[in-house]
């Protein structure tokens, strides 16, 4: 969405006496509903939030995470999954630390030896551990710590 604005800024900045800004391109992971959806704070079903409970994480992924699997188990076993559009697999690419395990999951799922429910269960485990760990650490932060961190300091 923003690329035309970045290009225009890089083109116009030198004419206005400024340096060209540096840009960082990044890939984003899709909304739970898939690439055509959009994550939004106003749509509780579009994302996993750091305030979600383990039950909410499980329910959201099982109910809303777009699947690249086939319509029936038989078709899935024969044709495999499309991991390029499967949201659970796309999110595992961001959150699963073990690259070998990710490659194994991708291979098994794409070949139909792993089912959609199994890959969703893996994502639920990974995200629940991450979110609960964050919530525990966040609970230890006091107002005094925030004030100290945000204090104005001499440069």
C-alpha atoms as a PDB file:
ATOM      1  CA  UNK A   1       0.000   0.000   0.000  1.00  0.00           C
ATOM      2  CA  UNK A   2       2.735   2.415   0.969  1.00  0.00           C
ATOM      3  CA  UNK A   3       5.228   1.767  -1.837  1.00  0.00           C
ATOM      4  CA  UNK A   4       4.061   4.650  -4.100  1.00  0.00           C
ATOM      5  CA  UNK A   5       4.434   7.097  -1.210  1.00  0.00           C
ATOM      6  CA  UNK A   6       7.915   5.820  -0.402  1.00  0.00           C
ATOM      7  CA  UNK A   7       8.959   6.196  -4.037  1.00  0.00           C
ATOM      8  CA  UNK A   8       7.522   9.705  -4.263  1.00  0.00           C
ATOM      9  CA  UNK A   9       9.268  10.720  -1.028  1.00  0.00           C
ATOM     10  CA  UNK A  10      12.619   9.432  -2.283  1.00  0.00           C
ATOM     11  CA  UNK A  11      12.097  11.330  -5.547  1.00  0.00           C
ATOM     12  CA  UNK A  12      10.975  14.632  -3.992  1.00  0.00           C
ATOM     13  CA  UNK A  13      13.170  14.858  -0.875  1.00  0.00           C
ATOM     14  CA  UNK A  14      16.389  15.953  -2.676  1.00  0.00           C
ATOM     15  CA  UNK A  15      14.508  18.710  -4.538  1.00  0.00           C
ATOM     16  CA  UNK A  16      13.330  20.015  -1.180  1.00  0.00           C
ATOM     17  CA  UNK A  17      16.839  19.999   0.279  1.00  0.00           C
ATOM     18  CA  UNK A  18      16.484  16.782   2.275  1.00  0.00           C
ATOM     19  CA  UNK A  19      18.295  13.461   2.069  1.00  0.00           C
ATOM     20  CA  UNK A  20      16.492  10.535   0.500  1.00  0.00           C
ATOM     21  CA  UNK A  21      14.984   8.458   3.290  1.00  0.00           C
ATOM     22  CA  UNK A  22      16.087   4.864   3.692  1.00  0.00           C
ATOM     23  CA  UNK A  23      13.330   2.303   3.550  1.00  0.00           C
ATOM     24  CA  UNK A  24      13.020  -1.184   4.884  1.00  0.00           C
ATOM     25  CA  UNK A  25      10.828  -3.641   3.010  1.00  0.00           C
ATOM     26  CA  UNK A  26       9.279  -6.284   5.221  1.00  0.00           C
ATOM     27  CA  UNK A  27       6.885  -9.109   4.632  1.00  0.00           C
ATOM     28  CA  UNK A  28       3.811  -9.182   6.798  1.00  0.00           C
ATOM     29  CA  UNK A  29       1.956 -12.208   7.963  1.00  0.00           C
ATOM     30  CA  UNK A  30      -1.665 -12.450   6.903  1.00  0.00           C
ATOM     31  CA  UNK A  31      -4.817 -11.966   8.920  1.00  0.00           C
ATOM     32  CA  UNK A  32      -6.304 -15.178  10.280  1.00  0.00           C
ATOM     33  CA  UNK A  33      -8.836 -15.127   7.438  1.00  0.00           C
ATOM     34  CA  UNK A  34      -6.043 -15.219   4.843  1.00  0.00           C
ATOM     35  CA  UNK A  35      -4.189 -12.861   2.535  1.00  0.00           C
ATOM     36  CA  UNK A  36      -7.372 -11.124   1.399  1.00  0.00           C
ATOM     37  CA  UNK A  37      -8.271 -10.250   4.982  1.00  0.00           C
ATOM     38  CA  UNK A  38      -6.789  -7.457   7.040  1.00  0.00           C
ATOM     39  CA  UNK A  39      -5.685  -7.484  10.663  1.00  0.00           C
ATOM     40  CA  UNK A  40      -7.537  -4.909  12.670  1.00  0.00           C
ATOM     41  CA  UNK A  41      -7.865  -4.090  16.345  1.00  0.00           C
ATOM     42  CA  UNK A  42     -11.576  -3.570  15.707  1.00  0.00           C
ATOM     43  CA  UNK A  43     -11.975  -7.139  14.390  1.00  0.00           C
ATOM     44  CA  UNK A  44     -11.266  -9.542  17.242  1.00  0.00           C
ATOM     45  CA  UNK A  45     -11.227 -12.505  14.839  1.00  0.00           C
ATOM     46  CA  UNK A  46      -8.516 -11.175  12.514  1.00  0.00           C
ATOM     47  CA  UNK A  47      -5.503 -11.620  14.787  1.00  0.00           C
ATOM     48  CA  UNK A  48      -4.098 -13.085  17.964  1.00  0.00           C
ATOM     49  CA  UNK A  49      -3.576 -10.343  20.530  1.00  0.00           C
ATOM     50  CA  UNK A  50      -1.035 -10.314  23.359  1.00  0.00           C
ATOM     51  CA  UNK A  51      -3.978 -10.039  25.763  1.00  0.00           C
ATOM     52  CA  UNK A  52      -5.731 -13.187  24.470  1.00  0.00           C
ATOM     53  CA  UNK A  53      -6.157 -16.142  26.806  1.00  0.00           C
ATOM     54  CA  UNK A  54      -4.996 -19.625  25.784  1.00  0.00           C
ATOM     55  CA  UNK A  55      -8.655 -20.552  25.161  1.00  0.00           C
ATOM     56  CA  UNK A  56      -9.154 -17.502  22.919  1.00  0.00           C
ATOM     57  CA  UNK A  57      -5.995 -18.371  20.968  1.00  0.00           C
ATOM     58  CA  UNK A  58      -7.170 -21.947  20.454  1.00  0.00           C
ATOM     59  CA  UNK A  59     -10.697 -20.912  19.480  1.00  0.00           C
ATOM     60  CA  UNK A  60      -9.550 -18.205  17.045  1.00  0.00           C
ATOM     61  CA  UNK A  61      -7.052 -20.423  15.251  1.00  0.00           C
ATOM     62  CA  UNK A  62      -9.392 -23.406  15.031  1.00  0.00           C
ATOM     63  CA  UNK A  63     -12.337 -21.317  13.857  1.00  0.00           C
ATOM     64  CA  UNK A  64     -10.811 -18.517  11.745  1.00  0.00           C
ATOM     65  CA  UNK A  65      -7.339 -19.536  10.486  1.00  0.00           C
ATOM     66  CA  UNK A  66      -7.680 -19.984   6.716  1.00  0.00           C
ATOM     67  CA  UNK A  67      -6.644 -23.459   5.623  1.00  0.00           C
ATOM     68  CA  UNK A  68      -4.716 -24.502   2.556  1.00  0.00           C
ATOM     69  CA  UNK A  69      -5.926 -28.073   3.064  1.00  0.00           C
ATOM     70  CA  UNK A  70      -8.409 -29.892   0.864  1.00  0.00           C
ATOM     71  CA  UNK A  71     -12.167 -30.255   1.365  1.00  0.00           C
ATOM     72  CA  UNK A  72     -12.049 -33.865   2.575  1.00  0.00           C
ATOM     73  CA  UNK A  73      -9.443 -35.982   4.354  1.00  0.00           C
ATOM     74  CA  UNK A  74      -9.304 -38.298   1.342  1.00  0.00           C
ATOM     75  CA  UNK A  75      -8.598 -35.397  -1.053  1.00  0.00           C
ATOM     76  CA  UNK A  76      -6.082 -33.948   1.366  1.00  0.00           C
ATOM     77  CA  UNK A  77      -4.209 -37.251   1.700  1.00  0.00           C
ATOM     78  CA  UNK A  78      -4.112 -37.512  -2.121  1.00  0.00           C
ATOM     79  CA  UNK A  79      -3.409 -33.857  -3.077  1.00  0.00           C
ATOM     80  CA  UNK A  80      -1.815 -32.362   0.023  1.00  0.00           C
ATOM     81  CA  UNK A  81      -2.120 -28.781   1.246  1.00  0.00           C
ATOM     82  CA  UNK A  82      -1.255 -25.492  -0.390  1.00  0.00           C
ATOM     83  CA  UNK A  83       1.189 -24.135   2.182  1.00  0.00           C
ATOM     84  CA  UNK A  84       1.469 -20.838   0.284  1.00  0.00           C
ATOM     85  CA  UNK A  85      -2.050 -19.847   1.348  1.00  0.00           C
ATOM     86  CA  UNK A  86      -2.395 -21.755   4.618  1.00  0.00           C
ATOM     87  CA  UNK A  87      -2.423 -19.183   7.433  1.00  0.00           C
ATOM     88  CA  UNK A  88      -1.260 -21.567  10.150  1.00  0.00           C
ATOM     89  CA  UNK A  89       1.808 -22.514   8.114  1.00  0.00           C
ATOM     90  CA  UNK A  90       2.493 -18.865   7.202  1.00  0.00           C
ATOM     91  CA  UNK A  91       2.375 -17.895  10.875  1.00  0.00           C
ATOM     92  CA  UNK A  92       4.640 -20.805  11.836  1.00  0.00           C
ATOM     93  CA  UNK A  93       7.188 -19.376   9.386  1.00  0.00           C
ATOM     94  CA  UNK A  94       7.335 -16.312  11.667  1.00  0.00           C
ATOM     95  CA  UNK A  95       6.995 -17.902  15.101  1.00  0.00           C
ATOM     96  CA  UNK A  96       8.522 -21.396  14.997  1.00  0.00           C
ATOM     97  CA  UNK A  97      12.197 -21.155  15.946  1.00  0.00           C
ATOM     98  CA  UNK A  98      13.229 -24.565  14.621  1.00  0.00           C
ATOM     99  CA  UNK A  99      13.846 -24.285  10.858  1.00  0.00           C
ATOM    100  CA  UNK A 100      14.276 -28.045  10.481  1.00  0.00           C
ATOM    101  CA  UNK A 101      10.936 -28.677  12.153  1.00  0.00           C
ATOM    102  CA  UNK A 102       9.295 -26.044   9.950  1.00  0.00           C
ATOM    103  CA  UNK A 103      10.707 -27.709   6.831  1.00  0.00           C
ATOM    104  CA  UNK A 104       9.450 -31.099   8.034  1.00  0.00           C
ATOM    105  CA  UNK A 105       5.991 -29.707   8.769  1.00  0.00           C
ATOM    106  CA  UNK A 106       5.839 -27.990   5.374  1.00  0.00           C
ATOM    107  CA  UNK A 107       6.854 -31.194   3.584  1.00  0.00           C
ATOM    108  CA  UNK A 108       4.432 -33.407   5.529  1.00  0.00           C
ATOM    109  CA  UNK A 109       1.527 -30.988   5.175  1.00  0.00           C
ATOM    110  CA  UNK A 110       2.113 -30.269   1.474  1.00  0.00           C
ATOM    111  CA  UNK A 111       2.217 -34.018   0.757  1.00  0.00           C
ATOM    112  CA  UNK A 112      -0.977 -34.733   2.711  1.00  0.00           C
ATOM    113  CA  UNK A 113       0.692 -36.701   5.489  1.00  0.00           C
ATOM    114  CA  UNK A 114      -0.207 -34.005   8.027  1.00  0.00           C
ATOM    115  CA  UNK A 115      -3.765 -32.694   8.400  1.00  0.00           C
ATOM    116  CA  UNK A 116      -5.000 -29.133   8.898  1.00  0.00           C
ATOM    117  CA  UNK A 117      -5.973 -29.836  12.518  1.00  0.00           C
ATOM    118  CA  UNK A 118      -2.431 -30.987  13.268  1.00  0.00           C
ATOM    119  CA  UNK A 119      -0.785 -27.849  11.882  1.00  0.00           C
ATOM    120  CA  UNK A 120      -3.326 -25.660  13.686  1.00  0.00           C
ATOM    121  CA  UNK A 121      -2.556 -27.529  16.933  1.00  0.00           C
ATOM    122  CA  UNK A 122       1.159 -26.841  16.436  1.00  0.00           C
ATOM    123  CA  UNK A 123       0.487 -23.126  15.895  1.00  0.00           C
ATOM    124  CA  UNK A 124      -1.756 -23.042  18.971  1.00  0.00           C
ATOM    125  CA  UNK A 125       1.062 -24.532  21.077  1.00  0.00           C
ATOM    126  CA  UNK A 126       3.677 -22.117  19.719  1.00  0.00           C
ATOM    127  CA  UNK A 127       1.534 -18.991  20.093  1.00  0.00           C
ATOM    128  CA  UNK A 128       0.147 -19.947  23.497  1.00  0.00           C
ATOM    129  CA  UNK A 129       3.680 -20.404  24.867  1.00  0.00           C
ATOM    130  CA  UNK A 130       4.740 -17.053  23.385  1.00  0.00           C
ATOM    131  CA  UNK A 131       1.708 -15.067  24.566  1.00  0.00           C
ATOM    132  CA  UNK A 132       1.613 -16.565  28.081  1.00  0.00           C
ATOM    133  CA  UNK A 133       5.345 -15.924  28.468  1.00  0.00           C
ATOM    134  CA  UNK A 134       4.845 -12.294  27.383  1.00  0.00           C
ATOM    135  CA  UNK A 135       1.896 -11.860  29.747  1.00  0.00           C
ATOM    136  CA  UNK A 136       3.931 -13.169  32.704  1.00  0.00           C
ATOM    137  CA  UNK A 137       6.781 -10.774  31.983  1.00  0.00           C
ATOM    138  CA  UNK A 138       4.385  -7.866  31.373  1.00  0.00           C
ATOM    139  CA  UNK A 139       2.697  -8.474  34.731  1.00  0.00           C
ATOM    140  CA  UNK A 140       6.054  -7.857  36.463  1.00  0.00           C
ATOM    141  CA  UNK A 141       6.376  -4.348  34.996  1.00  0.00           C
ATOM    142  CA  UNK A 142       5.440  -1.672  37.513  1.00  0.00           C
ATOM    143  CA  UNK A 143       4.408   1.932  36.944  1.00  0.00           C
ATOM    144  CA  UNK A 144       7.711   3.012  38.511  1.00  0.00           C
ATOM    145  CA  UNK A 145       9.608   0.988  35.917  1.00  0.00           C
ATOM    146  CA  UNK A 146       7.636   2.636  33.116  1.00  0.00           C
ATOM    147  CA  UNK A 147       8.231   6.122  34.546  1.00  0.00           C
ATOM    148  CA  UNK A 148      11.967   5.411  34.896  1.00  0.00           C
ATOM    149  CA  UNK A 149      12.156   4.133  31.334  1.00  0.00           C
ATOM    150  CA  UNK A 150      10.239   7.108  29.932  1.00  0.00           C
ATOM    151  CA  UNK A 151      12.129   9.732  31.943  1.00  0.00           C
ATOM    152  CA  UNK A 152      13.676  12.596  29.976  1.00  0.00           C
ATOM    153  CA  UNK A 153      17.461  12.241  29.948  1.00  0.00           C
ATOM    154  CA  UNK A 154      20.276  14.451  28.804  1.00  0.00           C
ATOM    155  CA  UNK A 155      21.842  13.353  25.549  1.00  0.00           C
END
